[in-house]
Amino acid sequence: MFVSPGAAHALYAMKNEEYKLTGWDINLQEPIIRTAFGFDTTDYLLDITLPPDRSEWKWKDEADFEEAVATGKISLEQARHIRQEGELAVKQVQEGTSTFYDVWENWLPPKEWRIPELLQWR
């Protein structure tokens, strides 16, 4: 996951079990805020997917997003801003230098990395 400070989206490199890049996902969300526990954000429900070559894009989870707008959980004005952010993020991804994306397409985690254990909250 890649997040730029102040950006209302995050970019995910989506990989399968063999770490082969299957595509890119733009998660539309409130800009992240650092907290004492890590980072906080609020998901806007609407995402964008792109194939590995970033050539085409499509909205994802539009029904959930439209339901949130229809029920007033997301205002019409906020919905317009969220979609604008999505279109801006797509433009950045599609026009970004291929060297950035190539590095992450071929990235593999170090062999010594292990999945961390979750802490139990009391």
C-alpha atoms as a PDB file:
ATOM      1  CA  MET A   1       0.000   0.000   0.000  1.00  0.00           C
ATOM      2  CA  PHE A   2       1.302   3.447  -0.946  1.00  0.00           C
ATOM      3  CA  VAL A   3      -0.127   6.587   0.660  1.00  0.00           C
ATOM      4  CA  SER A   4       0.999  10.151   0.030  1.00  0.00           C
ATOM      5  CA  PRO A   5       0.553  12.650   2.877  1.00  0.00           C
ATOM      6  CA  GLY A   6      -2.657  14.616   2.385  1.00  0.00           C
ATOM      7  CA  ALA A   7      -3.940  12.381  -0.418  1.00  0.00           C
ATOM      8  CA  ALA A   8      -7.510  11.115  -0.137  1.00  0.00           C
ATOM      9  CA  HIS A   9      -6.566   7.751  -1.626  1.00  0.00           C
ATOM     10  CA  ALA A  10      -4.120   4.882  -1.254  1.00  0.00           C
ATOM     11  CA  LEU A  11      -2.621   2.752  -4.019  1.00  0.00           C
ATOM     12  CA  TYR A  12      -2.387  -1.009  -3.549  1.00  0.00           C
ATOM     13  CA  ALA A  13      -0.218  -3.350  -5.610  1.00  0.00           C
ATOM     14  CA  MET A  14      -2.419  -6.455  -5.800  1.00  0.00           C
ATOM     15  CA  LYS A  15      -0.521  -9.746  -5.960  1.00  0.00           C
ATOM     16  CA  ASN A  16      -1.499 -13.391  -5.901  1.00  0.00           C
ATOM     17  CA  GLU A  17      -0.041 -16.155  -3.702  1.00  0.00           C
ATOM     18  CA  GLU A  18       3.011 -16.427  -5.985  1.00  0.00           C
ATOM     19  CA  TYR A  19       3.586 -12.646  -5.660  1.00  0.00           C
ATOM     20  CA  LYS A  20       2.674 -12.047  -9.298  1.00  0.00           C
ATOM     21  CA  LEU A  21       1.134  -8.619  -9.842  1.00  0.00           C
ATOM     22  CA  THR A  22      -2.550  -9.019 -10.737  1.00  0.00           C
ATOM     23  CA  GLY A  23      -3.406  -5.324 -10.852  1.00  0.00           C
ATOM     24  CA  TRP A  24      -3.604  -2.046  -8.989  1.00  0.00           C
ATOM     25  CA  ASP A  25      -6.346  -0.870  -6.633  1.00  0.00           C
ATOM     26  CA  ILE A  26      -6.970   2.747  -5.702  1.00  0.00           C
ATOM     27  CA  ASN A  27      -8.772   2.928  -2.361  1.00  0.00           C
ATOM     28  CA  LEU A  28     -10.611   6.227  -1.902  1.00  0.00           C
ATOM     29  CA  GLN A  29     -10.378   7.313   1.726  1.00  0.00           C
ATOM     30  CA  GLU A  30      -9.881  10.274   4.019  1.00  0.00           C
ATOM     31  CA  PRO A  31      -6.261  11.408   4.223  1.00  0.00           C
ATOM     32  CA  ILE A  32      -4.449   9.384   6.853  1.00  0.00           C
ATOM     33  CA  ILE A  33      -3.731  10.890  10.253  1.00  0.00           C
ATOM     34  CA  ARG A  34      -0.938   9.683  12.513  1.00  0.00           C
ATOM     35  CA  THR A  35      -2.144   8.632  15.968  1.00  0.00           C
ATOM     36  CA  ALA A  36      -0.497   7.167  19.064  1.00  0.00           C
ATOM     37  CA  PHE A  37      -1.410   3.694  17.734  1.00  0.00           C
ATOM     38  CA  GLY A  38      -0.418   4.152  14.086  1.00  0.00           C
ATOM     39  CA  PHE A  39      -2.617   5.735  11.432  1.00  0.00           C
ATOM     40  CA  ASP A  40      -6.350   6.432  11.084  1.00  0.00           C
ATOM     41  CA  THR A  41      -8.458   6.936   7.987  1.00  0.00           C
ATOM     42  CA  THR A  42     -12.065   6.457   6.896  1.00  0.00           C
ATOM     43  CA  ASP A  43     -12.848   4.399   3.808  1.00  0.00           C
ATOM     44  CA  TYR A  44     -15.138   6.027   1.244  1.00  0.00           C
ATOM     45  CA  LEU A  45     -16.403   2.635  -0.053  1.00  0.00           C
ATOM     46  CA  LEU A  46     -15.578   3.454  -3.688  1.00  0.00           C
ATOM     47  CA  ASP A  47     -12.445   1.962  -5.252  1.00  0.00           C
ATOM     48  CA  ILE A  48     -10.842   1.907  -8.685  1.00  0.00           C
ATOM     49  CA  THR A  49      -9.147  -1.087 -10.293  1.00  0.00           C
ATOM     50  CA  LEU A  50      -6.508  -1.125 -13.005  1.00  0.00           C
ATOM     51  CA  PRO A  51      -4.731  -4.032 -14.734  1.00  0.00           C
ATOM     52  CA  PRO A  52      -0.965  -4.506 -14.243  1.00  0.00           C
ATOM     53  CA  ASP A  53      -0.163  -2.321 -17.281  1.00  0.00           C
ATOM     54  CA  ARG A  54      -2.422   0.481 -15.890  1.00  0.00           C
ATOM     55  CA  SER A  55      -4.021   0.922 -19.340  1.00  0.00           C
ATOM     56  CA  GLU A  56      -7.702   0.841 -18.358  1.00  0.00           C
ATOM     57  CA  TRP A  57      -9.623   1.549 -15.177  1.00  0.00           C
ATOM     58  CA  LYS A  58     -13.042   0.961 -13.705  1.00  0.00           C
ATOM     59  CA  TRP A  59     -14.975   1.918 -10.604  1.00  0.00           C
ATOM     60  CA  LYS A  60     -15.388  -0.826  -8.008  1.00  0.00           C
ATOM     61  CA  ASP A  61     -18.118  -1.095  -5.331  1.00  0.00           C
ATOM     62  CA  GLU A  62     -20.290   1.590  -6.909  1.00  0.00           C
ATOM     63  CA  ALA A  63     -23.493   0.055  -5.527  1.00  0.00           C
ATOM     64  CA  ASP A  64     -22.255   0.359  -1.930  1.00  0.00           C
ATOM     65  CA  PHE A  65     -21.089   3.915  -2.573  1.00  0.00           C
ATOM     66  CA  GLU A  66     -24.394   4.942  -4.184  1.00  0.00           C
ATOM     67  CA  GLU A  67     -26.329   3.398  -1.286  1.00  0.00           C
ATOM     68  CA  ALA A  68     -24.269   5.470   1.172  1.00  0.00           C
ATOM     69  CA  VAL A  69     -25.106   8.587  -0.869  1.00  0.00           C
ATOM     70  CA  ALA A  70     -28.802   7.686  -1.120  1.00  0.00           C
ATOM     71  CA  THR A  71     -29.063   7.154   2.650  1.00  0.00           C
ATOM     72  CA  GLY A  72     -27.223  10.402   3.446  1.00  0.00           C
ATOM     73  CA  LYS A  73     -24.091   8.801   4.915  1.00  0.00           C
ATOM     74  CA  ILE A  74     -22.143  10.529   2.154  1.00  0.00           C
ATOM     75  CA  SER A  75     -23.442  13.882   0.901  1.00  0.00           C
ATOM     76  CA  LEU A  76     -23.850  14.620  -2.807  1.00  0.00           C
ATOM     77  CA  GLU A  77     -21.096  17.222  -2.576  1.00  0.00           C
ATOM     78  CA  GLN A  78     -18.753  14.828  -0.801  1.00  0.00           C
ATOM     79  CA  ALA A  79     -19.561  12.131  -3.392  1.00  0.00           C
ATOM     80  CA  ARG A  80     -18.603  14.540  -6.171  1.00  0.00           C
ATOM     81  CA  HIS A  81     -15.283  15.300  -4.438  1.00  0.00           C
ATOM     82  CA  ILE A  82     -14.594  11.592  -3.886  1.00  0.00           C
ATOM     83  CA  ARG A  83     -15.130  10.815  -7.574  1.00  0.00           C
ATOM     84  CA  GLN A  84     -12.915  13.767  -8.548  1.00  0.00           C
ATOM     85  CA  GLU A  85     -10.189  12.435  -6.252  1.00  0.00           C
ATOM     86  CA  GLY A  86     -10.545   9.041  -7.927  1.00  0.00           C
ATOM     87  CA  GLU A  87     -10.172  10.502 -11.400  1.00  0.00           C
ATOM     88  CA  LEU A  88      -7.125  12.508 -10.283  1.00  0.00           C
ATOM     89  CA  ALA A  89      -5.574   9.382  -8.748  1.00  0.00           C
ATOM     90  CA  VAL A  90      -6.147   7.419 -11.978  1.00  0.00           C
ATOM     91  CA  LYS A  91      -4.429  10.160 -13.953  1.00  0.00           C
ATOM     92  CA  GLN A  92      -1.447  10.061 -11.581  1.00  0.00           C
ATOM     93  CA  VAL A  93      -1.195   6.281 -11.828  1.00  0.00           C
ATOM     94  CA  GLN A  94      -1.544   6.172 -15.599  1.00  0.00           C
ATOM     95  CA  GLU A  95       0.893   9.028 -16.197  1.00  0.00           C
ATOM     96  CA  GLY A  96       3.378   7.974 -13.510  1.00  0.00           C
ATOM     97  CA  THR A  97       6.841   6.822 -14.489  1.00  0.00           C
ATOM     98  CA  SER A  98       6.898   3.146 -15.346  1.00  0.00           C
ATOM     99  CA  THR A  99      10.100   2.655 -13.332  1.00  0.00           C
ATOM    100  CA  PHE A 100       8.172   3.200 -10.076  1.00  0.00           C
ATOM    101  CA  TYR A 101       5.546   0.631 -11.038  1.00  0.00           C
ATOM    102  CA  ASP A 102       8.072  -1.826 -12.486  1.00  0.00           C
ATOM    103  CA  VAL A 103       9.972  -1.910  -9.195  1.00  0.00           C
ATOM    104  CA  TRP A 104       6.840  -2.821  -7.263  1.00  0.00           C
ATOM    105  CA  GLU A 105       5.678  -5.280  -9.900  1.00  0.00           C
ATOM    106  CA  ASN A 106       8.881  -7.272  -9.377  1.00  0.00           C
ATOM    107  CA  TRP A 107       9.250  -6.739  -5.612  1.00  0.00           C
ATOM    108  CA  LEU A 108       9.338  -9.803  -3.387  1.00  0.00           C
ATOM    109  CA  PRO A 109       9.362  -9.804   0.415  1.00  0.00           C
ATOM    110  CA  PRO A 110      12.649 -10.930   1.989  1.00  0.00           C
ATOM    111  CA  LYS A 111      12.626 -14.672   2.678  1.00  0.00           C
ATOM    112  CA  GLU A 112      13.299 -14.105   6.386  1.00  0.00           C
ATOM    113  CA  TRP A 113      10.090 -12.080   6.855  1.00  0.00           C
ATOM    114  CA  ARG A 114       7.406 -13.845   8.865  1.00  0.00           C
ATOM    115  CA  ILE A 115       3.767 -12.970   9.381  1.00  0.00           C
ATOM    116  CA  PRO A 116       3.618 -11.109  12.720  1.00  0.00           C
ATOM    117  CA  GLU A 117       1.348 -12.283  15.501  1.00  0.00           C
ATOM    118  CA  LEU A 118      -1.589 -10.075  16.402  1.00  0.00           C
ATOM    119  CA  LEU A 119      -1.547  -8.625  19.891  1.00  0.00           C
ATOM    120  CA  GLN A 120      -4.500  -9.276  22.154  1.00  0.00           C
ATOM    121  CA  TRP A 121      -6.181  -6.138  23.495  1.00  0.00           C
ATOM    122  CA  ARG A 122      -7.349  -6.330  27.085  1.00  0.00           C
END
